[in-house]
Amino acid sequence: MRNLSDIGRIFYGIAVAGLGFQTIYYDDFPYMLIPPEHSWTPGLALMAYISGAALILGGGCLAFKKNTRLPIS
């Protein structure tokens, strides 16, 4: 069962990273992230690049099982 869990985590990470690549490639958000009537938003391309990069980074961390912990002082 552990092996099946690892395979699922890897495929989920690949899917999240793929969504990030689509966000960057099309310079726009997929309709599943925000509603379609968002063209009035200023700086939309910049937000698409930043969120696409975050999705790619998050998908890579999911696929390669990299965990980060925030230091709480």
C-alpha atoms as a PDB file:
ATOM      1  CA  MET A   1       0.000   0.000   0.000  1.00  0.00           C
ATOM      2  CA  ARG A   2       2.912   2.358   0.648  1.00  0.00           C
ATOM      3  CA  ASN A   3       4.104   1.969  -2.932  1.00  0.00           C
ATOM      4  CA  LEU A   4       0.660   2.896  -4.288  1.00  0.00           C
ATOM      5  CA  SER A   5       0.634   6.007  -2.115  1.00  0.00           C
ATOM      6  CA  ASP A   6       4.006   7.100  -3.503  1.00  0.00           C
ATOM      7  CA  ILE A   7       2.826   6.604  -7.078  1.00  0.00           C
ATOM      8  CA  GLY A   8      -0.293   8.679  -6.409  1.00  0.00           C
ATOM      9  CA  ARG A   9       1.777  11.468  -4.837  1.00  0.00           C
ATOM     10  CA  ILE A  10       4.108  11.547  -7.852  1.00  0.00           C
ATOM     11  CA  PHE A  11       1.258  11.718 -10.366  1.00  0.00           C
ATOM     12  CA  TYR A  12      -0.501  14.416  -8.348  1.00  0.00           C
ATOM     13  CA  GLY A  13       2.732  16.449  -8.262  1.00  0.00           C
ATOM     14  CA  ILE A  14       3.096  16.073 -12.034  1.00  0.00           C
ATOM     15  CA  ALA A  15      -0.490  17.259 -12.540  1.00  0.00           C
ATOM     16  CA  VAL A  16       0.046  20.342 -10.349  1.00  0.00           C
ATOM     17  CA  ALA A  17       3.285  21.183 -12.176  1.00  0.00           C
ATOM     18  CA  GLY A  18       1.505  20.719 -15.517  1.00  0.00           C
ATOM     19  CA  LEU A  19      -1.121  23.238 -14.437  1.00  0.00           C
ATOM     20  CA  GLY A  20       1.714  25.653 -13.637  1.00  0.00           C
ATOM     21  CA  PHE A  21       3.250  25.153 -17.085  1.00  0.00           C
ATOM     22  CA  GLN A  22      -0.122  25.835 -18.708  1.00  0.00           C
ATOM     23  CA  THR A  23      -0.534  29.008 -16.678  1.00  0.00           C
ATOM     24  CA  ILE A  24       2.844  30.305 -17.849  1.00  0.00           C
ATOM     25  CA  TYR A  25       2.450  29.140 -21.453  1.00  0.00           C
ATOM     26  CA  TYR A  26      -0.917  30.814 -22.026  1.00  0.00           C
ATOM     27  CA  ASP A  27      -0.116  33.943 -19.924  1.00  0.00           C
ATOM     28  CA  ASP A  28      -3.501  33.495 -18.328  1.00  0.00           C
ATOM     29  CA  PHE A  29      -5.148  31.536 -15.561  1.00  0.00           C
ATOM     30  CA  PRO A  30      -6.978  28.314 -16.355  1.00  0.00           C
ATOM     31  CA  TYR A  31     -10.707  28.615 -15.737  1.00  0.00           C
ATOM     32  CA  MET A  32     -10.461  26.178 -12.858  1.00  0.00           C
ATOM     33  CA  LEU A  33      -8.330  28.619 -10.828  1.00  0.00           C
ATOM     34  CA  ILE A  34     -10.318  31.856 -11.191  1.00  0.00           C
ATOM     35  CA  PRO A  35     -13.557  32.759 -13.036  1.00  0.00           C
ATOM     36  CA  PRO A  36     -13.368  33.645 -16.753  1.00  0.00           C
ATOM     37  CA  GLU A  37     -14.338  37.321 -16.288  1.00  0.00           C
ATOM     38  CA  HIS A  38     -10.948  38.402 -14.973  1.00  0.00           C
ATOM     39  CA  SER A  39      -9.447  40.318 -17.924  1.00  0.00           C
ATOM     40  CA  TRP A  40      -9.942  43.669 -16.145  1.00  0.00           C
ATOM     41  CA  THR A  41      -7.387  42.772 -13.453  1.00  0.00           C
ATOM     42  CA  PRO A  42      -4.223  44.926 -13.717  1.00  0.00           C
ATOM     43  CA  GLY A  43      -0.950  42.987 -13.859  1.00  0.00           C
ATOM     44  CA  LEU A  44      -2.667  39.759 -14.874  1.00  0.00           C
ATOM     45  CA  ALA A  45       0.302  38.426 -16.868  1.00  0.00           C
ATOM     46  CA  LEU A  46       2.681  39.036 -13.959  1.00  0.00           C
ATOM     47  CA  MET A  47       0.317  37.283 -11.551  1.00  0.00           C
ATOM     48  CA  ALA A  48       0.010  34.401 -14.003  1.00  0.00           C
ATOM     49  CA  TYR A  49       3.798  34.014 -14.177  1.00  0.00           C
ATOM     50  CA  ILE A  50       4.207  34.159 -10.403  1.00  0.00           C
ATOM     51  CA  SER A  51       1.405  31.708  -9.683  1.00  0.00           C
ATOM     52  CA  GLY A  52       2.586  29.419 -12.500  1.00  0.00           C
ATOM     53  CA  ALA A  53       6.082  29.344 -11.021  1.00  0.00           C
ATOM     54  CA  ALA A  54       4.621  28.625  -7.578  1.00  0.00           C
ATOM     55  CA  LEU A  55       2.544  25.753  -8.995  1.00  0.00           C
ATOM     56  CA  ILE A  56       5.585  24.293 -10.763  1.00  0.00           C
ATOM     57  CA  LEU A  57       7.648  24.558  -7.591  1.00  0.00           C
ATOM     58  CA  GLY A  58       4.866  23.062  -5.503  1.00  0.00           C
ATOM     59  CA  GLY A  59       4.313  20.227  -7.955  1.00  0.00           C
ATOM     60  CA  GLY A  60       8.016  19.432  -7.966  1.00  0.00           C
ATOM     61  CA  CYS A  61       8.093  19.409  -4.185  1.00  0.00           C
ATOM     62  CA  LEU A  62       5.105  17.063  -4.114  1.00  0.00           C
ATOM     63  CA  ALA A  63       6.604  14.720  -6.692  1.00  0.00           C
ATOM     64  CA  PHE A  64      10.030  14.572  -5.060  1.00  0.00           C
ATOM     65  CA  LYS A  65       8.674  14.558  -1.475  1.00  0.00           C
ATOM     66  CA  LYS A  66      10.393  17.727  -0.349  1.00  0.00           C
ATOM     67  CA  ASN A  67       8.823  19.130   2.804  1.00  0.00           C
ATOM     68  CA  THR A  68       9.526  22.513   4.276  1.00  0.00           C
ATOM     69  CA  ARG A  69       8.760  23.654   7.770  1.00  0.00           C
ATOM     70  CA  LEU A  70       8.464  27.258   8.796  1.00  0.00           C
ATOM     71  CA  PRO A  71      10.508  28.156  11.854  1.00  0.00           C
ATOM     72  CA  ILE A  72       8.181  29.250  14.637  1.00  0.00           C
ATOM     73  CA  SER A  73       9.895  31.244  17.338  1.00  0.00           C
END
